[in-house]
Amino acid sequence: MDIWLTNWLQESFISNGRSGATFIVTRIWMRRNGGSNMSTSGKRSKQRKASSSETVVLHAARSRSGGKIRRQGSGKRAAKNAKLYKQGYHRGYDEGVRQGESSFGLVFEGVSIVIPTYNQREYVLQCVSSIEKHTPAPFEIIVVDNASKDGTAEAMLRKGGMVRVAALDKNRGFAGGVNHGLMMARGRHIVVLNNDILVTPGWLENMMTCLDSHPEMGVVGPVTNYIGGDQQIEVPYREVEDMWSFAARHNRPDATKHRETERLVGFCWLFSRELLERVGYLDEGYAVGNFEDDDWIIRAKLAGYRLGVAGDAFIHHYGSVSMKALGEQDYEVVNKDNEQFYTQKWGDPHALVADTSRLSLYAKVSTSQQENKNKTTQSKSDSPDLRQRISTKGSSDVTHKLRRSTDFYPEGCYISDIKGDVYRLMRGQRRKLNIPVPRGISPVLVAKPDLLGAPEGEPLISAGEVQGWPLERSHVHAQPVQSNRDALEEGMIVAATNERDIWYQISGSKRRRFATPYAAERWGVQSGHIVHVSANQLRTIEEGWPIIAPPQLLNEDL
């Protein structure tokens, strides 16, 4: 099995040649290692494999036979039929696996709509029906059932159509459910949708128009009748039956109703696959629900994306039915704990975003000045046609202005995927360790999108290429930081003597601040790693991207 298939869902088609019954199966290939270079961390992953079985999730599909298989005699005839059945089953299964492998990584030009749900069968059935009725564009619906006890998964399987169902073995909360659906999604664009939503005519088309309105527009949300923040609007109806006529009038395409915003609630998001690959999955450190959407939106803004509200896209929201099911007391406990975790992780996220935007603007100005200088020099020798081609490059490409999650990870840190493969981030590249992980190094688990976001570099094949992490001054052998007389060394963790609680890493001749003590802790940085320097010495070093904490991943399949 290809090693890159270990964390992804593959489609298999299992057919019975005699009855014509067809099932679509999603198989999560758990920790299959296809190479001989196994790190010590990888051995731990292999040990876990022994105690965990493959997860198989049945998708909805209709049987062509339309009824039960009839008994076909007894004795030798029955044995022959059973043998033929088994042979047909295995042939179909093997062919399904082959097709799943060959289609791995293929993206379809449509929208994947991800709906996490828990014990809300009737709501999610209504939601899916509204999507099927009012979404003409190519789409797939992915319902992630968080181990509901009300028959949600079975009801979805019976529904069939464009619905794919993932029935999880336990409740992984909103973040975990969404992440599982994002892992399954194959569309060029993705919608994350609450289970208590009714979509309306024109909802997706109008949101898509808003998303396409600017190259940096990253996430778009609609307006609704019930939500926190500025996406809630006044509505004239009280009963759902009266909602449809209002929505039909409201959803007439009108780009003048599109606007930028600073926050989008996670009841309905539209974004591109490219954004997902840059920003990554939701943080599963938030229990049940609340604040994980704010967390993800902060990361999207740090990556350089804008947020938009499509004011001409109205959808109906019943309103937090899963959270209300907790009861008032439990809800308050969960909400308070998540708020504390959010604050611990981000501190002042708005100041962090503002600082990053300032650094990005400075980088754009510097790049533009350098481009103009290069063009002036080049124009002396180039033909007019060539000069024209040069002028369209560089800053005009928005992808050069956007960032990835790994841009906010520390230089020299060690990260690992679920298979146990370990990499070191060095100068913007991921370099795989083809040797056992040295003692004292604890790689941080990251999701596949985060890992693949960094370009692949040459593997590390000798112990001499591997340094400890976090780095202390006595362990660093890199070149001193330029223009710094006291020679602060590359990779060091430092703090000013008058601000000992604010830590930086010296990286790429810049000082990169850890966003919070929690961020430093997630990367294994402790007070014993800190080298104290004067404030004046630190100020002479140019400021770089902040260092943030990677999202927690409790689902090992990611």
Protein backbone atom coordinates (compact mmCIF):
# COMPACT_ATOMS: atom_id res chain seq x y z
CA MET A 1 0.00 0.00 0.00
CA ASP A 2 1.35 3.43 -0.95
CA ILE A 3 2.54 5.10 2.27
CA TRP A 4 0.76 8.36 1.38
CA LEU A 5 -2.60 6.58 1.58
CA THR A 6 -2.32 5.95 5.31
CA ASN A 7 -4.23 9.04 6.41
CA TRP A 8 -6.74 9.43 3.62
CA LEU A 9 -10.11 7.90 2.90
CA GLN A 10 -10.28 5.78 -0.20
CA GLU A 11 -13.39 4.83 -2.15
CA SER A 12 -13.86 1.12 -2.82
CA PHE A 13 -16.64 -0.48 -4.80
CA ILE A 14 -17.68 -3.90 -3.53
CA SER A 15 -19.94 -5.72 -5.97
CA ASN A 16 -21.71 -9.05 -5.82
CA GLY A 17 -21.96 -10.40 -9.33
CA ARG A 18 -24.97 -12.64 -8.62
CA SER A 19 -27.29 -10.32 -6.72
CA GLY A 20 -26.16 -7.02 -8.23
CA ALA A 21 -26.05 -5.44 -4.77
CA THR A 22 -23.54 -2.60 -4.61
CA PHE A 23 -22.09 -0.90 -1.60
CA ILE A 24 -19.73 2.05 -1.47
CA VAL A 25 -17.18 1.72 1.26
CA THR A 26 -14.87 4.25 2.77
CA ARG A 27 -11.81 2.65 4.28
CA ILE A 28 -9.33 4.42 6.45
CA TRP A 29 -6.00 2.73 5.87
CA MET A 30 -4.45 2.78 9.32
CA ARG A 31 -0.71 3.24 9.58
CA ARG A 32 0.47 1.08 6.71
CA ASN A 33 4.19 1.75 6.36
CA GLY A 34 5.56 1.24 2.89
CA GLY A 35 9.24 1.92 3.53
CA SER A 36 12.10 0.47 5.53
CA ASN A 37 13.20 3.70 7.20
CA MET A 38 11.24 3.56 10.47
CA SER A 39 12.03 6.07 13.19
CA THR A 40 11.67 5.25 16.87
CA SER A 41 8.51 7.33 16.85
CA GLY A 42 7.35 5.22 13.94
CA LYS A 43 7.84 2.09 16.04
CA ARG A 44 5.44 3.46 18.60
CA SER A 45 2.95 4.03 15.81
CA LYS A 46 3.44 0.44 14.66
CA GLN A 47 2.78 -0.80 18.18
CA ARG A 48 -0.46 1.15 18.29
CA LYS A 49 -1.47 -0.54 15.06
CA ALA A 50 -1.70 -3.89 16.78
CA SER A 51 -4.46 -2.67 19.05
CA SER A 52 -6.49 -0.76 16.49
CA SER A 53 -8.51 -2.17 13.64
CA GLU A 54 -9.30 -0.69 10.28
CA THR A 55 -12.30 1.58 10.38
CA VAL A 56 -14.83 0.87 7.65
CA VAL A 57 -17.71 3.25 6.98
CA LEU A 58 -20.57 2.29 4.69
CA HIS A 59 -21.80 4.97 2.32
CA ALA A 60 -25.32 5.18 1.10
CA ALA A 61 -26.06 3.49 -2.22
CA ARG A 62 -29.15 1.75 -3.52
CA SER A 63 -29.24 -1.97 -4.15
CA ARG A 64 -30.04 -2.82 -7.76
CA SER A 65 -31.61 -6.09 -6.73
CA GLY A 66 -34.29 -4.41 -4.68
CA GLY A 67 -34.75 -7.30 -2.29
CA LYS A 68 -33.18 -9.99 -0.17
CA ILE A 69 -31.06 -12.73 -1.66
CA ARG A 70 -33.20 -15.80 -2.01
CA ARG A 71 -32.13 -19.18 -0.82
CA GLN A 72 -30.75 -21.10 -3.75
CA GLY A 73 -31.06 -24.73 -2.82
CA SER A 74 -29.15 -26.89 -0.50
CA GLY A 75 -26.19 -29.26 -0.39
CA LYS A 76 -23.66 -29.01 -3.18
CA ARG A 77 -25.58 -26.35 -5.04
CA ALA A 78 -25.66 -24.11 -1.97
CA ALA A 79 -21.95 -24.64 -1.35
CA LYS A 80 -21.18 -23.78 -4.97
CA ASN A 81 -23.27 -20.65 -4.77
CA ALA A 82 -21.56 -19.63 -1.54
CA LYS A 83 -18.16 -20.10 -3.17
CA LEU A 84 -19.17 -18.05 -6.20
CA TYR A 85 -20.54 -15.36 -3.92
CA LYS A 86 -17.28 -15.20 -1.99
CA GLN A 87 -15.21 -15.06 -5.16
CA GLY A 88 -17.36 -12.28 -6.58
CA TYR A 89 -17.16 -10.37 -3.32
CA HIS A 90 -13.37 -10.49 -3.21
CA ARG A 91 -12.99 -9.61 -6.88
CA GLY A 92 -15.24 -6.60 -6.45
CA TYR A 93 -13.45 -5.60 -3.27
CA ASP A 94 -10.00 -5.82 -4.89
CA GLU A 95 -11.21 -3.82 -7.87
CA GLY A 96 -12.63 -1.19 -5.53
CA VAL A 97 -9.31 -0.87 -3.72
CA ARG A 98 -7.53 -0.52 -7.05
CA GLN A 99 -9.92 2.23 -8.13
CA GLY A 100 -9.55 3.94 -4.77
CA GLU A 101 -5.76 3.98 -5.08
CA SER A 102 -5.85 5.23 -8.67
CA SER A 103 -8.26 8.07 -7.77
CA PHE A 104 -6.36 9.11 -4.63
CA GLY A 105 -5.74 12.84 -4.56
CA LEU A 106 -8.08 13.63 -7.45
CA VAL A 107 -10.18 16.75 -6.95
CA PHE A 108 -13.56 17.27 -8.59
CA GLU A 109 -14.71 20.68 -9.78
CA GLY A 110 -17.52 21.01 -7.32
CA VAL A 111 -18.30 21.66 -3.66
CA SER A 112 -17.91 19.30 -0.70
CA ILE A 113 -20.49 20.15 2.00
CA VAL A 114 -19.36 18.87 5.40
CA ILE A 115 -22.01 18.49 8.12
CA PRO A 116 -21.00 17.24 11.59
CA THR A 117 -23.88 16.00 13.72
CA TYR A 118 -24.70 14.36 17.02
CA ASN A 119 -28.14 13.04 17.98
CA GLN A 120 -29.98 15.43 15.67
CA ARG A 121 -31.42 13.04 13.09
CA GLU A 122 -34.48 15.06 12.12
CA TYR A 123 -32.57 18.31 11.80
CA VAL A 124 -29.82 16.84 9.64
CA LEU A 125 -32.36 15.08 7.43
CA GLN A 126 -34.08 18.43 6.83
CA CYS A 127 -30.70 20.07 6.20
CA VAL A 128 -29.65 17.48 3.62
CA SER A 129 -33.03 17.64 1.88
CA SER A 130 -32.76 21.42 1.56
CA ILE A 131 -29.27 21.10 0.07
CA GLU A 132 -30.45 18.56 -2.48
CA LYS A 133 -33.34 20.80 -3.47
CA HIS A 134 -31.60 24.18 -3.59
CA THR A 135 -28.01 23.45 -4.65
CA PRO A 136 -27.78 22.98 -8.43
CA ALA A 137 -24.00 23.14 -8.70
CA PRO A 138 -21.96 19.86 -8.65
CA PHE A 139 -21.64 18.87 -5.00
CA GLU A 140 -21.20 16.06 -2.51
CA ILE A 141 -22.63 15.94 1.00
CA ILE A 142 -20.48 14.46 3.77
CA VAL A 143 -22.37 13.78 7.00
CA VAL A 144 -20.04 13.01 9.91
CA ASP A 145 -22.01 11.31 12.65
CA ASN A 146 -20.38 11.70 16.07
CA ALA A 147 -21.58 8.32 17.41
CA SER A 148 -25.23 9.37 17.61
CA LYS A 149 -27.64 7.09 19.43
CA ASP A 150 -30.76 8.23 17.56
CA GLY A 151 -30.16 6.33 14.31
CA THR A 152 -28.68 9.27 12.40
CA ALA A 153 -26.12 7.21 10.48
CA GLU A 154 -28.67 4.56 9.51
CA ALA A 155 -31.13 7.21 8.34
CA MET A 156 -28.45 8.83 6.20
CA LEU A 157 -27.45 5.51 4.69
CA ARG A 158 -31.05 4.83 3.71
CA LYS A 159 -31.32 8.27 2.14
CA GLY A 160 -28.70 7.52 -0.49
CA GLY A 161 -28.24 10.05 -3.27
CA MET A 162 -25.19 12.30 -3.05
CA VAL A 163 -24.68 11.66 0.66
CA ARG A 164 -21.49 10.12 2.01
CA VAL A 165 -21.62 9.07 5.66
CA ALA A 166 -18.82 8.70 8.19
CA ALA A 167 -20.05 7.00 11.37
CA LEU A 168 -17.45 7.72 14.06
CA ASP A 169 -16.95 5.39 17.01
CA LYS A 170 -17.17 8.22 19.54
CA ASN A 171 -18.22 11.84 19.81
CA ARG A 172 -15.26 13.92 18.65
CA GLY A 173 -17.04 17.25 19.02
CA PHE A 174 -17.55 19.90 16.37
CA ALA A 175 -13.85 20.31 15.55
CA GLY A 176 -13.20 16.58 15.34
CA GLY A 177 -16.29 15.96 13.23
CA VAL A 178 -15.45 18.79 10.84
CA ASN A 179 -11.85 17.61 10.52
CA HIS A 180 -12.95 14.10 9.62
CA GLY A 181 -15.21 15.52 6.94
CA LEU A 182 -12.46 17.79 5.61
CA MET A 183 -10.23 14.75 5.31
CA MET A 184 -12.89 13.04 3.18
CA ALA A 185 -13.72 16.09 1.05
CA ARG A 186 -12.78 15.99 -2.63
CA GLY A 187 -14.28 19.21 -3.94
CA ARG A 188 -12.36 22.20 -5.25
CA HIS A 189 -14.40 24.22 -2.76
CA ILE A 190 -15.66 23.25 0.69
CA VAL A 191 -18.62 24.28 2.82
CA VAL A 192 -18.73 23.59 6.56
CA LEU A 193 -22.36 23.62 7.68
CA ASN A 194 -24.19 23.17 10.96
CA ASN A 195 -26.71 20.34 11.11
CA ASP A 196 -29.61 22.67 12.05
CA ILE A 197 -29.55 24.70 8.84
CA LEU A 198 -32.02 25.03 5.99
CA VAL A 199 -30.33 26.33 2.85
CA THR A 200 -32.35 28.35 0.37
CA PRO A 201 -32.44 29.07 -3.38
CA GLY A 202 -29.29 30.88 -4.56
CA TRP A 203 -27.41 30.48 -1.27
CA LEU A 204 -24.29 28.82 -2.68
CA GLU A 205 -24.13 30.73 -5.98
CA ASN A 206 -24.25 34.09 -4.20
CA MET A 207 -21.63 33.05 -1.65
CA MET A 208 -19.39 31.81 -4.47
CA THR A 209 -19.69 35.18 -6.23
CA CYS A 210 -18.56 36.89 -3.04
CA LEU A 211 -15.63 34.47 -2.67
CA ASP A 212 -14.52 35.25 -6.22
CA SER A 213 -14.73 39.01 -5.71
CA HIS A 214 -11.08 39.42 -4.65
CA PRO A 215 -7.98 37.18 -4.90
CA GLU A 216 -7.38 37.49 -1.17
CA MET A 217 -10.98 36.70 -0.19
CA GLY A 218 -10.58 33.45 1.71
CA VAL A 219 -13.69 32.58 3.72
CA VAL A 220 -17.26 33.67 3.08
CA GLY A 221 -20.35 33.30 5.25
CA PRO A 222 -24.06 34.06 4.70
CA VAL A 223 -26.56 36.02 6.75
CA THR A 224 -29.17 34.32 8.89
CA ASN A 225 -31.93 34.78 11.41
CA TYR A 226 -30.10 33.39 14.46
CA ILE A 227 -26.40 33.78 15.18
CA GLY A 228 -23.98 35.91 17.18
CA GLY A 229 -22.25 38.85 15.53
CA ASP A 230 -23.09 40.91 12.48
CA GLN A 231 -24.30 38.03 10.31
CA GLN A 232 -27.71 38.07 12.01
CA ILE A 233 -30.39 40.13 10.28
CA GLU A 234 -33.98 41.01 11.09
CA VAL A 235 -36.51 38.69 9.48
CA PRO A 236 -40.28 39.13 9.06
CA TYR A 237 -41.29 35.51 9.61
CA ARG A 238 -41.94 33.45 12.72
CA GLU A 239 -42.71 30.06 11.20
CA VAL A 240 -40.37 28.15 8.92
CA GLU A 241 -43.16 27.77 6.36
CA ASP A 242 -43.11 31.54 5.87
CA MET A 243 -39.33 31.65 5.56
CA TRP A 244 -39.11 30.40 1.97
CA SER A 245 -40.88 33.32 0.35
CA PHE A 246 -38.73 35.76 2.31
CA ALA A 247 -35.53 33.93 1.30
CA ALA A 248 -36.55 33.93 -2.38
CA ARG A 249 -36.88 37.72 -2.33
CA HIS A 250 -33.78 38.29 -0.23
CA ASN A 251 -31.46 36.05 -2.26
CA ARG A 252 -31.71 37.92 -5.53
CA PRO A 253 -28.07 38.34 -6.59
CA ASP A 254 -26.79 41.72 -5.42
CA ALA A 255 -23.03 42.24 -5.12
CA THR A 256 -23.60 45.54 -3.32
CA LYS A 257 -24.59 43.44 -0.29
CA HIS A 258 -21.16 41.81 -0.15
CA ARG A 259 -18.87 43.21 2.52
CA GLU A 260 -15.71 42.41 4.41
CA THR A 261 -15.80 41.50 8.08
CA GLU A 262 -13.40 40.67 10.90
CA ARG A 263 -15.20 37.56 12.15
CA LEU A 264 -17.21 34.72 10.69
CA VAL A 265 -19.13 32.29 12.88
CA GLY A 266 -18.62 28.64 11.97
CA PHE A 267 -22.28 27.78 11.32
CA CYS A 268 -21.60 28.13 7.57
CA TRP A 269 -18.24 28.71 5.86
CA LEU A 270 -17.30 28.58 2.20
CA PHE A 271 -13.62 28.39 1.26
CA SER A 272 -11.28 26.84 -1.28
CA ARG A 273 -9.22 23.68 -1.01
CA GLU A 274 -6.13 25.85 -1.40
CA LEU A 275 -7.03 27.74 1.77
CA LEU A 276 -7.49 24.47 3.66
CA GLU A 277 -4.02 23.36 2.55
CA ARG A 278 -2.56 26.63 3.85
CA VAL A 279 -4.51 26.99 7.11
CA GLY A 280 -5.03 23.33 8.09
CA TYR A 281 -7.58 21.60 10.29
CA LEU A 282 -9.52 22.92 13.27
CA ASP A 283 -7.95 22.65 16.72
CA GLU A 284 -9.46 19.68 18.55
CA GLY A 285 -8.35 21.01 21.92
CA TYR A 286 -11.75 22.72 22.16
CA ALA A 287 -14.29 20.39 23.79
CA VAL A 288 -17.68 19.77 22.14
CA GLY A 289 -18.01 23.17 20.46
CA ASN A 290 -17.50 26.97 20.66
CA PHE A 291 -14.32 29.01 20.06
CA GLU A 292 -12.81 26.46 17.67
CA ASP A 293 -14.31 28.49 14.82
CA ASP A 294 -12.79 31.74 16.13
CA ASP A 295 -9.46 29.94 16.44
CA TRP A 296 -9.53 28.75 12.82
CA ILE A 297 -10.57 32.17 11.54
CA ILE A 298 -7.61 33.79 13.35
CA ARG A 299 -5.29 31.37 11.55
CA ALA A 300 -6.92 32.19 8.20
CA LYS A 301 -6.33 35.89 8.81
CA LEU A 302 -2.72 35.27 9.85
CA ALA A 303 -2.26 33.48 6.53
CA GLY A 304 -3.26 36.71 4.78
CA TYR A 305 -6.85 35.94 3.80
CA ARG A 306 -9.82 38.28 3.97
CA LEU A 307 -13.27 37.40 5.31
CA GLY A 308 -16.52 38.21 3.55
CA VAL A 309 -20.25 38.21 4.24
CA ALA A 310 -22.53 37.53 1.29
CA GLY A 311 -25.48 39.68 2.33
CA ASP A 312 -27.54 38.32 -0.56
CA ALA A 313 -27.25 34.75 0.73
CA PHE A 314 -29.76 34.03 3.50
CA ILE A 315 -30.10 30.63 5.17
CA HIS A 316 -32.31 29.63 8.08
CA HIS A 317 -30.65 28.60 11.35
CA TYR A 318 -32.64 26.86 14.06
CA GLY A 319 -29.86 27.75 16.45
CA SER A 320 -27.25 25.77 18.41
CA VAL A 321 -29.42 22.69 18.87
CA SER A 322 -26.45 20.46 19.72
CA MET A 323 -25.06 22.87 22.31
CA LYS A 324 -28.49 23.47 23.85
CA ALA A 325 -28.86 19.71 24.26
CA LEU A 326 -26.05 19.85 26.85
CA GLY A 327 -28.26 21.70 29.29
CA GLU A 328 -27.55 25.18 30.65
CA GLN A 329 -25.10 24.11 33.36
CA ASP A 330 -22.98 21.84 31.16
CA TYR A 331 -23.06 24.39 28.36
CA GLU A 332 -21.65 27.09 30.63
CA VAL A 333 -18.86 24.77 31.81
CA VAL A 334 -17.87 23.82 28.24
CA ASN A 335 -18.06 27.42 27.04
CA LYS A 336 -15.94 28.70 29.92
CA ASP A 337 -13.28 26.02 29.48
CA ASN A 338 -13.05 26.68 25.74
CA GLU A 339 -12.81 30.42 26.31
CA GLN A 340 -9.94 29.89 28.74
CA PHE A 341 -8.14 27.64 26.26
CA TYR A 342 -8.64 30.22 23.49
CA THR A 343 -7.17 32.98 25.67
CA GLN A 344 -4.29 30.78 26.78
CA LYS A 345 -3.46 29.92 23.19
CA TRP A 346 -3.78 33.35 21.60
CA GLY A 347 -3.50 36.02 24.28
CA ASP A 348 -4.57 39.05 22.24
CA PRO A 349 -5.28 37.54 18.81
CA HIS A 350 -6.39 40.83 17.28
CA ALA A 351 -3.06 42.48 18.10
CA LEU A 352 -1.28 39.42 16.71
CA VAL A 353 -3.19 39.69 13.42
CA ALA A 354 -2.54 43.44 13.25
CA ASP A 355 1.20 42.93 13.81
CA THR A 356 1.33 40.23 11.15
CA SER A 357 -0.54 42.44 8.69
CA ARG A 358 1.96 45.22 9.36
CA LEU A 359 4.87 42.88 8.71
CA SER A 360 3.18 41.63 5.55
CA LEU A 361 2.67 45.18 4.29
CA TYR A 362 6.30 45.99 4.99
CA ALA A 363 7.37 42.86 3.09
CA LYS A 364 5.16 43.85 0.12
CA VAL A 365 6.65 47.34 0.00
CA SER A 366 10.19 45.96 0.17
CA THR A 367 9.42 43.42 -2.55
CA SER A 368 7.86 46.08 -4.77
CA GLN A 369 10.86 48.36 -4.37
CA GLN A 370 13.22 45.51 -5.23
CA GLU A 371 11.11 44.59 -8.27
CA ASN A 372 11.16 48.18 -9.52
CA LYS A 373 14.90 48.29 -9.07
CA ASN A 374 15.30 45.02 -10.96
CA LYS A 375 13.01 46.19 -13.76
CA THR A 376 14.94 49.45 -14.14
CA THR A 377 18.18 47.52 -14.48
CA GLN A 378 16.62 44.90 -16.77
CA SER A 379 14.95 47.44 -19.06
CA LYS A 380 18.31 48.73 -20.24
CA SER A 381 18.96 45.47 -22.06
CA ASP A 382 15.57 43.80 -22.59
CA SER A 383 13.19 44.17 -25.50
CA PRO A 384 9.79 45.88 -24.87
CA ASP A 385 7.95 42.54 -25.05
CA LEU A 386 10.20 40.99 -22.43
CA ARG A 387 9.87 44.02 -20.16
CA GLN A 388 6.10 43.68 -20.38
CA ARG A 389 6.25 40.04 -19.32
CA ILE A 390 8.51 40.86 -16.38
CA SER A 391 6.16 43.57 -15.14
CA THR A 392 3.33 41.08 -14.67
CA LYS A 393 5.29 38.86 -12.29
CA GLY A 394 6.02 39.01 -8.56
CA SER A 395 3.74 41.10 -6.44
CA SER A 396 0.81 40.74 -8.82
CA ASP A 397 0.59 37.04 -7.89
CA VAL A 398 -1.48 36.87 -4.71
CA THR A 399 -0.13 33.42 -3.83
CA HIS A 400 3.22 35.02 -3.10
CA LYS A 401 1.55 37.21 -0.46
CA LEU A 402 -0.26 34.41 1.33
CA ARG A 403 1.31 32.28 4.02
CA ARG A 404 1.09 28.70 5.25
CA SER A 405 0.74 27.32 8.75
CA THR A 406 4.38 26.17 8.76
CA ASP A 407 5.50 29.78 8.21
CA PHE A 408 4.44 30.31 11.84
CA TYR A 409 6.32 27.30 13.22
CA PRO A 410 9.81 27.67 14.72
CA GLU A 411 12.94 27.14 12.68
CA GLY A 412 14.65 23.83 13.35
CA CYS A 413 11.69 22.21 15.12
CA TYR A 414 10.81 18.56 14.65
CA ILE A 415 7.36 17.52 13.45
CA SER A 416 5.83 14.13 12.73
CA ASP A 417 2.84 12.66 10.94
CA ILE A 418 0.58 9.91 12.16
CA LYS A 419 2.71 7.21 10.54
CA GLY A 420 5.57 8.22 12.80
CA ASP A 421 7.75 9.74 10.08
CA VAL A 422 9.74 12.64 11.54
CA TYR A 423 10.79 15.80 9.74
CA ARG A 424 12.79 18.87 10.63
CA LEU A 425 11.72 22.32 9.43
CA MET A 426 14.80 24.06 8.03
CA ARG A 427 14.73 27.28 6.00
CA GLY A 428 11.13 26.76 4.96
CA GLN A 429 11.60 23.11 3.94
CA ARG A 430 10.67 19.84 5.59
CA ARG A 431 13.59 17.42 5.73
CA LYS A 432 12.82 13.85 6.65
CA LEU A 433 14.92 12.03 9.22
CA ASN A 434 16.16 8.82 7.65
CA ILE A 435 17.86 7.92 10.91
CA PRO A 436 16.44 7.06 14.35
CA VAL A 437 15.19 10.08 16.27
CA PRO A 438 17.92 11.14 18.71
CA ARG A 439 17.22 10.91 22.41
CA GLY A 440 15.81 14.09 23.90
CA ILE A 441 13.88 15.13 20.79
CA SER A 442 10.08 14.96 21.00
CA PRO A 443 8.52 15.66 17.58
CA VAL A 444 5.21 17.53 17.54
CA LEU A 445 2.36 15.76 15.74
CA VAL A 446 0.91 17.80 12.87
CA ALA A 447 -1.79 17.06 10.30
CA LYS A 448 -1.00 16.07 6.74
CA PRO A 449 -1.96 19.49 5.22
CA ASP A 450 0.48 21.23 7.57
CA LEU A 451 3.22 18.78 6.72
CA LEU A 452 2.72 18.93 2.96
CA GLY A 453 2.51 22.73 3.09
CA ALA A 454 6.27 22.96 3.51
CA PRO A 455 8.30 22.10 0.38
CA GLU A 456 10.22 18.84 0.62
CA GLY A 457 13.98 19.15 1.10
CA GLU A 458 16.83 16.67 1.10
CA PRO A 459 16.49 14.00 3.79
CA LEU A 460 18.73 13.99 6.86
CA ILE A 461 20.84 10.84 6.70
CA SER A 462 23.51 11.30 9.35
CA ALA A 463 23.54 12.15 13.04
CA GLY A 464 25.83 15.10 12.34
CA GLU A 465 23.01 16.84 10.46
CA VAL A 466 20.63 16.58 13.43
CA GLN A 467 20.77 19.09 16.27
CA GLY A 468 18.82 19.15 19.48
CA TRP A 469 15.63 21.12 19.87
CA PRO A 470 14.93 23.56 21.43
CA LEU A 471 18.36 25.08 20.88
CA GLU A 472 20.49 26.63 23.60
CA ARG A 473 23.45 28.87 22.96
CA SER A 474 25.94 26.11 23.81
CA HIS A 475 24.30 23.79 21.26
CA VAL A 476 24.27 26.15 18.27
CA HIS A 477 26.93 26.13 15.59
CA ALA A 478 25.26 28.33 13.00
CA GLN A 479 26.48 31.64 11.66
CA PRO A 480 25.97 34.70 13.87
CA VAL A 481 23.11 37.04 13.12
CA GLN A 482 24.19 39.73 10.68
CA SER A 483 24.75 43.28 11.92
CA ASN A 484 24.70 42.17 15.55
CA ARG A 485 27.98 42.78 17.37
CA ASP A 486 27.23 40.35 20.17
CA ALA A 487 26.65 37.54 17.64
CA LEU A 488 23.30 36.13 18.69
CA GLU A 489 23.28 32.80 16.94
CA GLU A 490 20.76 31.33 14.57
CA GLY A 491 18.13 29.20 16.34
CA MET A 492 18.65 30.57 19.83
CA ILE A 493 15.71 31.25 22.16
CA VAL A 494 16.16 34.67 23.77
CA ALA A 495 14.39 37.21 25.95
CA ALA A 496 15.19 40.79 26.87
CA THR A 497 16.44 41.32 30.40
CA ASN A 498 13.62 43.78 31.08
CA GLU A 499 10.88 41.55 29.55
CA ARG A 500 11.76 38.06 30.63
CA ASP A 501 8.30 36.64 29.94
CA ILE A 502 8.39 37.49 26.22
CA TRP A 503 10.41 34.91 24.30
CA TYR A 504 11.82 35.04 20.79
CA GLN A 505 13.62 32.73 18.44
CA ILE A 506 16.47 34.06 16.30
CA SER A 507 15.59 32.77 12.85
CA GLY A 508 16.71 33.90 9.42
CA SER A 509 18.43 36.97 10.89
CA LYS A 510 15.13 37.97 12.48
CA ARG A 511 13.57 37.82 15.93
CA ARG A 512 10.35 35.83 15.99
CA ARG A 513 8.15 36.21 19.02
CA PHE A 514 6.28 33.28 20.57
CA ALA A 515 2.65 34.40 20.55
CA THR A 516 2.03 33.12 24.09
CA PRO A 517 3.72 30.97 26.74
CA TYR A 518 1.38 28.19 25.60
CA ALA A 519 2.80 28.41 22.07
CA ALA A 520 6.34 28.06 23.46
CA GLU A 521 5.25 25.13 25.63
CA ARG A 522 3.69 23.32 22.66
CA TRP A 523 7.06 23.47 20.92
CA GLY A 524 8.89 22.21 24.00
CA VAL A 525 10.51 25.51 24.94
CA GLN A 526 11.16 25.98 28.67
CA SER A 527 12.75 28.67 30.76
CA GLY A 528 16.03 26.72 30.83
CA HIS A 529 16.42 27.27 27.08
CA ILE A 530 16.30 31.06 27.33
CA VAL A 531 19.33 33.26 26.81
CA HIS A 532 18.82 36.76 28.21
CA VAL A 533 20.06 39.74 26.21
CA SER A 534 19.72 43.49 26.48
CA ALA A 535 16.64 45.18 25.11
CA ASN A 536 18.76 47.38 22.85
CA GLN A 537 20.51 44.33 21.46
CA LEU A 538 17.16 42.68 20.67
CA ARG A 539 15.73 45.80 19.05
CA THR A 540 18.53 45.90 16.49
CA ILE A 541 17.19 42.68 14.96
CA GLU A 542 14.41 42.85 12.38
CA GLU A 543 11.04 41.42 13.42
CA GLY A 544 9.80 38.22 11.74
CA TRP A 545 6.62 36.17 11.66
CA PRO A 546 5.26 35.23 15.09
CA ILE A 547 5.41 31.63 16.31
CA ILE A 548 2.04 30.09 17.13
CA ALA A 549 0.95 26.79 18.64
CA PRO A 550 -0.01 24.01 16.22
CA PRO A 551 -3.58 22.71 16.55
CA GLN A 552 -4.17 19.72 18.77
CA LEU A 553 -5.21 16.59 16.87
CA LEU A 554 -7.05 13.97 18.90
CA ASN A 555 -8.14 11.98 15.84
CA GLU A 556 -5.16 9.87 14.84
CA ASP A 557 -6.51 9.40 11.33
CA LEU A 558 -5.67 12.99 10.36
